[in-house]
Amino acid sequence: GGLSMTGESRDGDLFRVVLENIENAVFVTREDGTFVFICPNVQNVMGYEIEEIERLGHIGALLGEDVVHGFPHEEPDGGFDLESEVHLAKGGTRWFAVTRKRVQIADGRWLYSCRDVTAERREKQRTLQSEARYRALFENANDAIFVADPHTGNMLDANHQAELLLGRSVEEIRTLHQTDLHPPGGRKKYAT
């Protein structure tokens, strides 16, 4: 394909090897989003042959028009990131953090770097689900539950049953020290 970077010289070979082995898929487009350069590693990263990307013709066809149009017109010097769900050549989808930067390279005006963040998104989703399960167990428990900082003894959280037990809101409970939960004569025994 005419849009891949190859070269006969040692420098050309060096750039080719680097570009084939970087983890991010890199594209350079004209102002209108048509491709000027397609990094040869796109096959490893997204499963597409360079010719398939060339046939798409436009970065929006690969990343989604909503992503391309989601970038602000005036971007900060360091670029701007958006996430896009990309349909892979061999089926399935992966999520990419897409950075776009303004460049001046021959006909190229935009440099897109696409980093696969699928594993990070899955881990974040698992964490959110775990936190939701914990919160549901915590809030729906039949017993009063108090959470205190182990180093300071300051109250961090309490569930609804704790509010009922003390006759105070969670906000009020958070202003307490764990020793405030014990009878006055036994507070010293439970101090941290």
C-alpha atoms as a PDB file:
ATOM      1  CA  GLY A   1       0.000   0.000   0.000  1.00  0.00           C
ATOM      2  CA  GLY A   2       1.084   3.543  -0.719  1.00  0.00           C
ATOM      3  CA  LEU A   3       0.402   4.813   2.792  1.00  0.00           C
ATOM      4  CA  SER A   4       2.771   2.584   4.762  1.00  0.00           C
ATOM      5  CA  MET A   5       6.296   3.729   5.609  1.00  0.00           C
ATOM      6  CA  THR A   6       9.055   1.603   4.126  1.00  0.00           C
ATOM      7  CA  GLY A   7      12.549   2.541   3.101  1.00  0.00           C
ATOM      8  CA  GLU A   8      15.678   1.146   1.524  1.00  0.00           C
ATOM      9  CA  SER A   9      18.123   2.991   3.766  1.00  0.00           C
ATOM     10  CA  ARG A  10      19.281   1.917   7.202  1.00  0.00           C
ATOM     11  CA  ASP A  11      17.281   4.782   8.731  1.00  0.00           C
ATOM     12  CA  GLY A  12      14.249   3.696   6.763  1.00  0.00           C
ATOM     13  CA  ASP A  13      14.670   0.131   8.004  1.00  0.00           C
ATOM     14  CA  LEU A  14      15.076   1.396  11.564  1.00  0.00           C
ATOM     15  CA  PHE A  15      11.859   3.435  11.373  1.00  0.00           C
ATOM     16  CA  ARG A  16      10.016   0.502   9.792  1.00  0.00           C
ATOM     17  CA  VAL A  17      11.106  -1.895  12.560  1.00  0.00           C
ATOM     18  CA  VAL A  18      10.161   0.612  15.266  1.00  0.00           C
ATOM     19  CA  LEU A  19       6.770   1.342  13.725  1.00  0.00           C
ATOM     20  CA  GLU A  20       5.983  -2.339  13.219  1.00  0.00           C
ATOM     21  CA  ASN A  21       6.673  -3.082  16.884  1.00  0.00           C
ATOM     22  CA  ILE A  22       5.205  -0.200  18.869  1.00  0.00           C
ATOM     23  CA  GLU A  23       2.104  -0.993  20.891  1.00  0.00           C
ATOM     24  CA  ASN A  24       0.000   1.938  19.667  1.00  0.00           C
ATOM     25  CA  ALA A  25      -1.589   2.118  16.245  1.00  0.00           C
ATOM     26  CA  VAL A  26      -0.582   5.453  14.688  1.00  0.00           C
ATOM     27  CA  PHE A  27      -2.263   7.309  11.825  1.00  0.00           C
ATOM     28  CA  VAL A  28      -1.706  10.674  10.163  1.00  0.00           C
ATOM     29  CA  THR A  29      -4.636  12.288   8.360  1.00  0.00           C
ATOM     30  CA  ARG A  30      -5.387  15.341   6.305  1.00  0.00           C
ATOM     31  CA  GLU A  31      -7.599  18.044   7.770  1.00  0.00           C
ATOM     32  CA  ASP A  32     -10.676  16.208   6.418  1.00  0.00           C
ATOM     33  CA  GLY A  33      -9.675  12.917   8.131  1.00  0.00           C
ATOM     34  CA  THR A  34      -8.495  11.041   5.028  1.00  0.00           C
ATOM     35  CA  PHE A  35      -5.389   8.945   5.623  1.00  0.00           C
ATOM     36  CA  VAL A  36      -1.891  10.168   4.775  1.00  0.00           C
ATOM     37  CA  PHE A  37      -0.004   7.542   6.806  1.00  0.00           C
ATOM     38  CA  ILE A  38      -1.007   4.203   8.340  1.00  0.00           C
ATOM     39  CA  CYS A  39       1.447   2.609  10.767  1.00  0.00           C
ATOM     40  CA  PRO A  40       2.388  -0.917   9.681  1.00  0.00           C
ATOM     41  CA  ASN A  41       1.612  -2.340  13.133  1.00  0.00           C
ATOM     42  CA  VAL A  42      -2.123  -1.794  12.584  1.00  0.00           C
ATOM     43  CA  GLN A  43      -2.345  -5.492  11.703  1.00  0.00           C
ATOM     44  CA  ASN A  44      -0.918  -6.484  15.108  1.00  0.00           C
ATOM     45  CA  VAL A  45      -2.942  -3.927  17.060  1.00  0.00           C
ATOM     46  CA  MET A  46      -6.319  -4.004  15.263  1.00  0.00           C
ATOM     47  CA  GLY A  47      -6.064  -6.996  12.931  1.00  0.00           C
ATOM     48  CA  TYR A  48      -6.463  -4.949   9.744  1.00  0.00           C
ATOM     49  CA  GLU A  49      -4.183  -5.112   6.737  1.00  0.00           C
ATOM     50  CA  ILE A  50      -2.960  -1.681   5.624  1.00  0.00           C
ATOM     51  CA  GLU A  51      -4.934  -2.077   2.391  1.00  0.00           C
ATOM     52  CA  GLU A  52      -8.153  -2.614   4.393  1.00  0.00           C
ATOM     53  CA  ILE A  53      -7.570   0.630   6.285  1.00  0.00           C
ATOM     54  CA  GLU A  54      -6.796   2.408   2.998  1.00  0.00           C
ATOM     55  CA  ARG A  55     -10.161   1.215   1.634  1.00  0.00           C
ATOM     56  CA  LEU A  56     -11.915   2.668   4.691  1.00  0.00           C
ATOM     57  CA  GLY A  57     -10.438   5.963   3.502  1.00  0.00           C
ATOM     58  CA  HIS A  58     -11.226   8.033   6.583  1.00  0.00           C
ATOM     59  CA  ILE A  59     -10.228   7.881  10.264  1.00  0.00           C
ATOM     60  CA  GLY A  60     -13.908   8.219  11.225  1.00  0.00           C
ATOM     61  CA  ALA A  61     -14.714   4.954   9.434  1.00  0.00           C
ATOM     62  CA  LEU A  62     -12.216   3.202  11.712  1.00  0.00           C
ATOM     63  CA  LEU A  63     -12.655   5.014  15.033  1.00  0.00           C
ATOM     64  CA  GLY A  64     -16.214   6.257  14.637  1.00  0.00           C
ATOM     65  CA  GLU A  65     -17.378   9.673  13.507  1.00  0.00           C
ATOM     66  CA  ASP A  66     -18.537  10.508  17.037  1.00  0.00           C
ATOM     67  CA  VAL A  67     -14.947  10.142  18.263  1.00  0.00           C
ATOM     68  CA  VAL A  68     -13.475  12.227  15.464  1.00  0.00           C
ATOM     69  CA  HIS A  69     -16.049  14.977  15.994  1.00  0.00           C
ATOM     70  CA  GLY A  70     -15.735  14.666  19.784  1.00  0.00           C
ATOM     71  CA  PHE A  71     -12.311  16.305  19.813  1.00  0.00           C
ATOM     72  CA  PRO A  72     -12.323  20.042  20.561  1.00  0.00           C
ATOM     73  CA  HIS A  73     -11.360  22.387  17.693  1.00  0.00           C
ATOM     74  CA  GLU A  74      -8.535  23.953  19.683  1.00  0.00           C
ATOM     75  CA  GLU A  75      -6.637  21.264  21.535  1.00  0.00           C
ATOM     76  CA  PRO A  76      -4.073  21.644  24.315  1.00  0.00           C
ATOM     77  CA  ASP A  77      -0.417  21.291  23.343  1.00  0.00           C
ATOM     78  CA  GLY A  78      -0.234  17.772  24.777  1.00  0.00           C
ATOM     79  CA  GLY A  79      -3.148  16.568  22.671  1.00  0.00           C
ATOM     80  CA  PHE A  80      -6.506  15.350  23.846  1.00  0.00           C
ATOM     81  CA  ASP A  81      -7.714  11.808  24.655  1.00  0.00           C
ATOM     82  CA  LEU A  82     -11.034  10.163  23.900  1.00  0.00           C
ATOM     83  CA  GLU A  83     -11.989   6.503  24.133  1.00  0.00           C
ATOM     84  CA  SER A  84     -13.422   4.577  21.220  1.00  0.00           C
ATOM     85  CA  GLU A  85     -14.781   1.071  20.794  1.00  0.00           C
ATOM     86  CA  VAL A  86     -13.224  -0.247  17.582  1.00  0.00           C
ATOM     87  CA  HIS A  87     -14.571  -3.218  15.652  1.00  0.00           C
ATOM     88  CA  LEU A  88     -11.660  -5.500  14.859  1.00  0.00           C
ATOM     89  CA  ALA A  89     -11.035  -7.009  11.432  1.00  0.00           C
ATOM     90  CA  LYS A  90     -11.494 -10.590  12.648  1.00  0.00           C
ATOM     91  CA  GLY A  91     -14.541  -9.818  14.766  1.00  0.00           C
ATOM     92  CA  GLY A  92     -14.977  -8.590  18.288  1.00  0.00           C
ATOM     93  CA  THR A  93     -14.265  -5.160  19.650  1.00  0.00           C
ATOM     94  CA  ARG A  94     -11.560  -3.497  21.697  1.00  0.00           C
ATOM     95  CA  TRP A  95     -11.422  -0.130  23.418  1.00  0.00           C
ATOM     96  CA  PHE A  96      -8.727   2.370  22.481  1.00  0.00           C
ATOM     97  CA  ALA A  97      -7.645   5.616  24.110  1.00  0.00           C
ATOM     98  CA  VAL A  98      -7.234   7.870  21.101  1.00  0.00           C
ATOM     99  CA  THR A  99      -4.904  10.867  21.310  1.00  0.00           C
ATOM    100  CA  ARG A 100      -5.044  13.437  18.550  1.00  0.00           C
ATOM    101  CA  LYS A 101      -2.360  16.069  18.022  1.00  0.00           C
ATOM    102  CA  ARG A 102      -2.004  18.808  15.421  1.00  0.00           C
ATOM    103  CA  VAL A 103       0.986  18.195  13.093  1.00  0.00           C
ATOM    104  CA  GLN A 104       2.484  19.619   9.884  1.00  0.00           C
ATOM    105  CA  ILE A 105       3.897  16.638   7.962  1.00  0.00           C
ATOM    106  CA  ALA A 106       3.548  16.947   4.164  1.00  0.00           C
ATOM    107  CA  ASP A 107      -0.250  16.697   3.655  1.00  0.00           C
ATOM    108  CA  GLY A 108      -0.783  15.487   7.222  1.00  0.00           C
ATOM    109  CA  ARG A 109      -2.527  17.711   9.750  1.00  0.00           C
ATOM    110  CA  TRP A 110      -3.601  15.306  12.507  1.00  0.00           C
ATOM    111  CA  LEU A 111      -1.642  12.548  14.248  1.00  0.00           C
ATOM    112  CA  TYR A 112      -3.789   9.887  15.923  1.00  0.00           C
ATOM    113  CA  SER A 113      -2.278   7.455  18.411  1.00  0.00           C
ATOM    114  CA  CYS A 114      -4.538   4.595  19.532  1.00  0.00           C
ATOM    115  CA  ARG A 115      -3.618   2.718  22.725  1.00  0.00           C
ATOM    116  CA  ASP A 116      -5.530  -0.448  23.617  1.00  0.00           C
ATOM    117  CA  VAL A 117      -7.250   0.090  26.985  1.00  0.00           C
ATOM    118  CA  THR A 118      -9.587  -2.909  26.875  1.00  0.00           C
ATOM    119  CA  ALA A 119      -7.972  -4.657  29.863  1.00  0.00           C
ATOM    120  CA  GLU A 120      -7.997  -1.435  31.902  1.00  0.00           C
ATOM    121  CA  ARG A 121     -11.699  -0.871  31.143  1.00  0.00           C
ATOM    122  CA  ARG A 122     -12.539  -4.468  32.116  1.00  0.00           C
ATOM    123  CA  GLU A 123     -10.626  -4.130  35.393  1.00  0.00           C
ATOM    124  CA  LYS A 124     -12.349  -0.829  36.143  1.00  0.00           C
ATOM    125  CA  GLN A 125     -15.731  -2.442  35.436  1.00  0.00           C
ATOM    126  CA  ARG A 126     -14.907  -5.375  37.763  1.00  0.00           C
ATOM    127  CA  THR A 127     -13.874  -2.916  40.484  1.00  0.00           C
ATOM    128  CA  LEU A 128     -17.098  -0.926  40.095  1.00  0.00           C
ATOM    129  CA  GLN A 129     -19.154  -4.131  40.249  1.00  0.00           C
ATOM    130  CA  SER A 130     -17.266  -5.274  43.351  1.00  0.00           C
ATOM    131  CA  GLU A 131     -17.802  -1.910  45.026  1.00  0.00           C
ATOM    132  CA  ALA A 132     -21.512  -2.038  44.162  1.00  0.00           C
ATOM    133  CA  ARG A 133     -21.814  -5.533  45.712  1.00  0.00           C
ATOM    134  CA  TYR A 134     -19.971  -4.368  48.849  1.00  0.00           C
ATOM    135  CA  ARG A 135     -22.173  -1.266  49.111  1.00  0.00           C
ATOM    136  CA  ALA A 136     -25.349  -3.363  48.730  1.00  0.00           C
ATOM    137  CA  LEU A 137     -24.228  -5.823  51.433  1.00  0.00           C
ATOM    138  CA  PHE A 138     -23.158  -2.968  53.702  1.00  0.00           C
ATOM    139  CA  GLU A 139     -26.373  -0.969  53.309  1.00  0.00           C
ATOM    140  CA  ASN A 140     -28.759  -3.953  53.496  1.00  0.00           C
ATOM    141  CA  ALA A 141     -27.184  -5.698  56.491  1.00  0.00           C
ATOM    142  CA  ASN A 142     -29.471  -6.355  59.455  1.00  0.00           C
ATOM    143  CA  ASP A 143     -26.686  -5.355  61.850  1.00  0.00           C
ATOM    144  CA  ALA A 144     -25.210  -1.936  62.517  1.00  0.00           C
ATOM    145  CA  ILE A 145     -21.851  -1.619  60.770  1.00  0.00           C
ATOM    146  CA  PHE A 146     -19.306   1.072  61.569  1.00  0.00           C
ATOM    147  CA  VAL A 147     -16.063   1.638  59.646  1.00  0.00           C
ATOM    148  CA  ALA A 148     -13.219   3.433  61.433  1.00  0.00           C
ATOM    149  CA  ASP A 149      -9.724   4.421  60.348  1.00  0.00           C
ATOM    150  CA  PRO A 150      -7.440   1.868  62.086  1.00  0.00           C
ATOM    151  CA  HIS A 151      -4.719   4.474  62.688  1.00  0.00           C
ATOM    152  CA  THR A 152      -6.760   7.420  63.938  1.00  0.00           C
ATOM    153  CA  GLY A 153      -9.941   5.791  65.198  1.00  0.00           C
ATOM    154  CA  ASN A 154     -12.016   8.375  63.313  1.00  0.00           C
ATOM    155  CA  MET A 155     -15.280   7.070  61.910  1.00  0.00           C
ATOM    156  CA  LEU A 156     -15.293   6.780  58.101  1.00  0.00           C
ATOM    157  CA  ASP A 157     -18.676   5.246  57.349  1.00  0.00           C
ATOM    158  CA  ALA A 158     -21.747   3.622  58.826  1.00  0.00           C
ATOM    159  CA  ASN A 159     -24.792   1.867  57.420  1.00  0.00           C
ATOM    160  CA  HIS A 160     -28.502   2.575  57.908  1.00  0.00           C
ATOM    161  CA  GLN A 161     -28.769   0.183  60.869  1.00  0.00           C
ATOM    162  CA  ALA A 162     -25.980   2.154  62.590  1.00  0.00           C
ATOM    163  CA  GLU A 163     -27.953   5.364  62.020  1.00  0.00           C
ATOM    164  CA  LEU A 164     -31.013   3.742  63.625  1.00  0.00           C
ATOM    165  CA  LEU A 165     -28.975   2.390  66.549  1.00  0.00           C
ATOM    166  CA  LEU A 166     -27.420   5.764  67.405  1.00  0.00           C
ATOM    167  CA  GLY A 167     -30.251   7.990  66.226  1.00  0.00           C
ATOM    168  CA  ARG A 168     -27.731   9.987  64.164  1.00  0.00           C
ATOM    169  CA  SER A 169     -27.125  10.492  60.448  1.00  0.00           C
ATOM    170  CA  VAL A 170     -24.094   9.011  58.693  1.00  0.00           C
ATOM    171  CA  GLU A 171     -22.703  12.549  58.388  1.00  0.00           C
ATOM    172  CA  GLU A 172     -22.904  12.958  62.183  1.00  0.00           C
ATOM    173  CA  ILE A 173     -21.403   9.512  62.801  1.00  0.00           C
ATOM    174  CA  ARG A 174     -18.432  10.447  60.592  1.00  0.00           C
ATOM    175  CA  THR A 175     -17.571  13.242  63.022  1.00  0.00           C
ATOM    176  CA  LEU A 176     -17.136  10.723  65.860  1.00  0.00           C
ATOM    177  CA  HIS A 177     -14.127   8.810  67.129  1.00  0.00           C
ATOM    178  CA  GLN A 178     -14.592   5.054  67.544  1.00  0.00           C
ATOM    179  CA  THR A 179     -14.261   5.433  71.316  1.00  0.00           C
ATOM    180  CA  ASP A 180     -17.471   7.538  71.240  1.00  0.00           C
ATOM    181  CA  LEU A 181     -19.363   4.320  70.469  1.00  0.00           C
ATOM    182  CA  HIS A 182     -18.438   2.789  73.842  1.00  0.00           C
ATOM    183  CA  PRO A 183     -19.839   3.523  77.310  1.00  0.00           C
ATOM    184  CA  PRO A 184     -17.981   6.377  79.070  1.00  0.00           C
ATOM    185  CA  GLY A 185     -16.301   4.036  81.551  1.00  0.00           C
ATOM    186  CA  GLY A 186     -14.893   1.762  78.833  1.00  0.00           C
ATOM    187  CA  ARG A 187     -13.665   4.307  76.291  1.00  0.00           C
ATOM    188  CA  LYS A 188     -10.073   4.251  77.506  1.00  0.00           C
ATOM    189  CA  LYS A 189      -9.989   0.475  77.098  1.00  0.00           C
ATOM    190  CA  TYR A 190     -10.940   0.770  73.386  1.00  0.00           C
ATOM    191  CA  ALA A 191      -8.784   3.813  72.499  1.00  0.00           C
ATOM    192  CA  THR A 192      -6.245   3.276  69.738  1.00  0.00           C
END
